[in-house]
Structures are given as C-alpha cells and as structure tokens.
C-alpha cells in the first residue's frame, strides 16, 4: 500500500510539472533596459507599435512610473524581431 502511494505521488508530481512547463507562454516581445534608463522593445513581425508601448509600460511600472514616450523606432536585420522601439519612462 505504501509503494502505491509513492508511485501515485510521483506520477502526479510529474504530470503537474509537465503541465506547468507547457503552460508557460514565452514572451512575444524582448524587453530590456539600457544603461541610460531607456526601455528597449524588440517587437515581433506582426506587432503594432501600441503593443510594444504596452510592453514598455509594464517595465516602467516596476519603477513606479506611469507613462512612456517613444524616443526612437528602428528597423533591424533580425527576421524574428524586425523592429526595435526605444522608450523613456516618465
């Protein structure tokens, strides 16, 4: 009886771990901070500028700031993230 409980617990734990690993979505945007305080956002192909701005705003909220303003938009050679946006937090 005791071995049955151990096996059952191990199977249940493995199942929960597998579901948790599969259920965690990867971020669509690459958000990073620059040394000058600007927030950079690598946007995927089909993303709109407003979606990139929302991703930057989430990063700014970590510092208690509520607004972002765009500093620069540039094209990149990366086919997965063809556009990079730079924002400043206010």
C-alpha atoms as a PDB file:
ATOM      1  CA  UNK A   1       0.000   0.000   0.000  1.00  0.00           C
ATOM      2  CA  UNK A   2       2.804   2.408   0.806  1.00  0.00           C
ATOM      3  CA  UNK A   3       4.566   1.798  -2.533  1.00  0.00           C
ATOM      4  CA  UNK A   4       1.341   2.527  -4.369  1.00  0.00           C
ATOM      5  CA  UNK A   5       1.072   5.950  -2.685  1.00  0.00           C
ATOM      6  CA  UNK A   6       4.682   6.801  -3.538  1.00  0.00           C
ATOM      7  CA  UNK A   7       4.235   5.842  -7.196  1.00  0.00           C
ATOM      8  CA  UNK A   8       0.962   7.721  -7.391  1.00  0.00           C
ATOM      9  CA  UNK A   9       2.519  10.828  -5.839  1.00  0.00           C
ATOM     10  CA  UNK A  10       5.492  10.649  -8.230  1.00  0.00           C
ATOM     11  CA  UNK A  11       3.210  10.335 -11.274  1.00  0.00           C
ATOM     12  CA  UNK A  12       1.006  13.181 -10.113  1.00  0.00           C
ATOM     13  CA  UNK A  13       4.034  15.411  -9.471  1.00  0.00           C
ATOM     14  CA  UNK A  14       5.460  14.613 -12.907  1.00  0.00           C
ATOM     15  CA  UNK A  15       2.148  15.391 -14.567  1.00  0.00           C
ATOM     16  CA  UNK A  16       1.800  18.728 -12.760  1.00  0.00           C
ATOM     17  CA  UNK A  17       5.380  19.679 -13.637  1.00  0.00           C
ATOM     18  CA  UNK A  18       4.823  18.845 -17.317  1.00  0.00           C
ATOM     19  CA  UNK A  19       1.593  20.842 -17.438  1.00  0.00           C
ATOM     20  CA  UNK A  20       3.249  23.809 -15.755  1.00  0.00           C
ATOM     21  CA  UNK A  21       6.180  23.743 -18.159  1.00  0.00           C
ATOM     22  CA  UNK A  22       3.916  23.574 -21.207  1.00  0.00           C
ATOM     23  CA  UNK A  23       1.506  26.179 -19.898  1.00  0.00           C
ATOM     24  CA  UNK A  24       4.087  28.940 -19.503  1.00  0.00           C
ATOM     25  CA  UNK A  25       3.975  31.075 -22.651  1.00  0.00           C
ATOM     26  CA  UNK A  26       7.118  32.691 -23.995  1.00  0.00           C
ATOM     27  CA  UNK A  27       7.034  36.462 -24.173  1.00  0.00           C
ATOM     28  CA  UNK A  28       6.397  37.772 -27.646  1.00  0.00           C
ATOM     29  CA  UNK A  29       8.402  40.938 -27.013  1.00  0.00           C
ATOM     30  CA  UNK A  30      12.020  41.259 -25.979  1.00  0.00           C
ATOM     31  CA  UNK A  31      12.060  43.998 -23.333  1.00  0.00           C
ATOM     32  CA  UNK A  32      15.357  45.314 -21.969  1.00  0.00           C
ATOM     33  CA  UNK A  33      16.791  48.292 -20.097  1.00  0.00           C
ATOM     34  CA  UNK A  34      19.637  50.369 -21.417  1.00  0.00           C
ATOM     35  CA  UNK A  35      22.319  51.930 -19.225  1.00  0.00           C
ATOM     36  CA  UNK A  36      20.864  55.404 -19.850  1.00  0.00           C
ATOM     37  CA  UNK A  37      17.480  54.302 -18.432  1.00  0.00           C
ATOM     38  CA  UNK A  38      15.694  53.866 -21.749  1.00  0.00           C
ATOM     39  CA  UNK A  39      13.487  50.827 -22.279  1.00  0.00           C
ATOM     40  CA  UNK A  40      14.080  48.880 -25.466  1.00  0.00           C
ATOM     41  CA  UNK A  41      11.462  46.619 -27.004  1.00  0.00           C
ATOM     42  CA  UNK A  42      12.201  44.110 -29.757  1.00  0.00           C
ATOM     43  CA  UNK A  43       8.841  43.637 -31.473  1.00  0.00           C
ATOM     44  CA  UNK A  44       7.819  40.523 -33.422  1.00  0.00           C
ATOM     45  CA  UNK A  45       6.761  40.726 -37.076  1.00  0.00           C
ATOM     46  CA  UNK A  46       3.029  41.268 -36.661  1.00  0.00           C
ATOM     47  CA  UNK A  47       3.171  43.541 -33.610  1.00  0.00           C
ATOM     48  CA  UNK A  48       1.741  47.041 -33.577  1.00  0.00           C
ATOM     49  CA  UNK A  49       3.544  49.991 -32.024  1.00  0.00           C
ATOM     50  CA  UNK A  50       0.837  50.254 -29.366  1.00  0.00           C
ATOM     51  CA  UNK A  51       1.573  46.669 -28.263  1.00  0.00           C
ATOM     52  CA  UNK A  52       5.280  47.463 -27.938  1.00  0.00           C
ATOM     53  CA  UNK A  53       4.371  50.564 -25.951  1.00  0.00           C
ATOM     54  CA  UNK A  54       2.271  48.450 -23.578  1.00  0.00           C
ATOM     55  CA  UNK A  55       5.227  46.097 -23.032  1.00  0.00           C
ATOM     56  CA  UNK A  56       7.470  49.082 -22.235  1.00  0.00           C
ATOM     57  CA  UNK A  57       4.864  50.500 -19.866  1.00  0.00           C
ATOM     58  CA  UNK A  58       4.827  47.247 -17.886  1.00  0.00           C
ATOM     59  CA  UNK A  59       8.593  47.577 -17.426  1.00  0.00           C
ATOM     60  CA  UNK A  60       8.246  51.227 -16.374  1.00  0.00           C
ATOM     61  CA  UNK A  61       5.599  50.344 -13.787  1.00  0.00           C
ATOM     62  CA  UNK A  62       8.252  48.326 -11.947  1.00  0.00           C
ATOM     63  CA  UNK A  63       9.904  51.668 -11.133  1.00  0.00           C
ATOM     64  CA  UNK A  64       6.614  53.315 -10.172  1.00  0.00           C
ATOM     65  CA  UNK A  65       6.375  55.352 -13.378  1.00  0.00           C
ATOM     66  CA  UNK A  66       3.103  55.538 -15.286  1.00  0.00           C
ATOM     67  CA  UNK A  67       3.882  56.933 -18.721  1.00  0.00           C
ATOM     68  CA  UNK A  68       6.185  56.107 -21.622  1.00  0.00           C
ATOM     69  CA  UNK A  69       7.150  58.213 -24.586  1.00  0.00           C
ATOM     70  CA  UNK A  70       8.768  56.897 -27.730  1.00  0.00           C
ATOM     71  CA  UNK A  71      12.319  58.028 -28.385  1.00  0.00           C
ATOM     72  CA  UNK A  72      13.182  56.040 -31.482  1.00  0.00           C
ATOM     73  CA  UNK A  73      11.946  53.341 -33.850  1.00  0.00           C
ATOM     74  CA  UNK A  74      14.450  51.460 -35.961  1.00  0.00           C
ATOM     75  CA  UNK A  75      14.477  48.539 -38.321  1.00  0.00           C
ATOM     76  CA  UNK A  76      16.758  45.593 -37.573  1.00  0.00           C
ATOM     77  CA  UNK A  77      18.190  42.757 -39.643  1.00  0.00           C
ATOM     78  CA  UNK A  78      16.629  40.148 -37.323  1.00  0.00           C
ATOM     79  CA  UNK A  79      13.811  38.429 -39.205  1.00  0.00           C
ATOM     80  CA  UNK A  80      12.029  37.390 -35.976  1.00  0.00           C
ATOM     81  CA  UNK A  81      12.137  40.887 -34.448  1.00  0.00           C
ATOM     82  CA  UNK A  82      12.344  43.298 -37.403  1.00  0.00           C
ATOM     83  CA  UNK A  83      11.621  46.459 -35.387  1.00  0.00           C
ATOM     84  CA  UNK A  84      13.114  47.844 -32.180  1.00  0.00           C
ATOM     85  CA  UNK A  85      11.456  50.643 -30.231  1.00  0.00           C
ATOM     86  CA  UNK A  86      13.129  52.796 -27.579  1.00  0.00           C
ATOM     87  CA  UNK A  87      11.017  54.421 -24.871  1.00  0.00           C
ATOM     88  CA  UNK A  88      11.625  56.719 -21.949  1.00  0.00           C
ATOM     89  CA  UNK A  89       9.724  56.323 -18.669  1.00  0.00           C
ATOM     90  CA  UNK A  90       8.012  59.293 -17.038  1.00  0.00           C
END
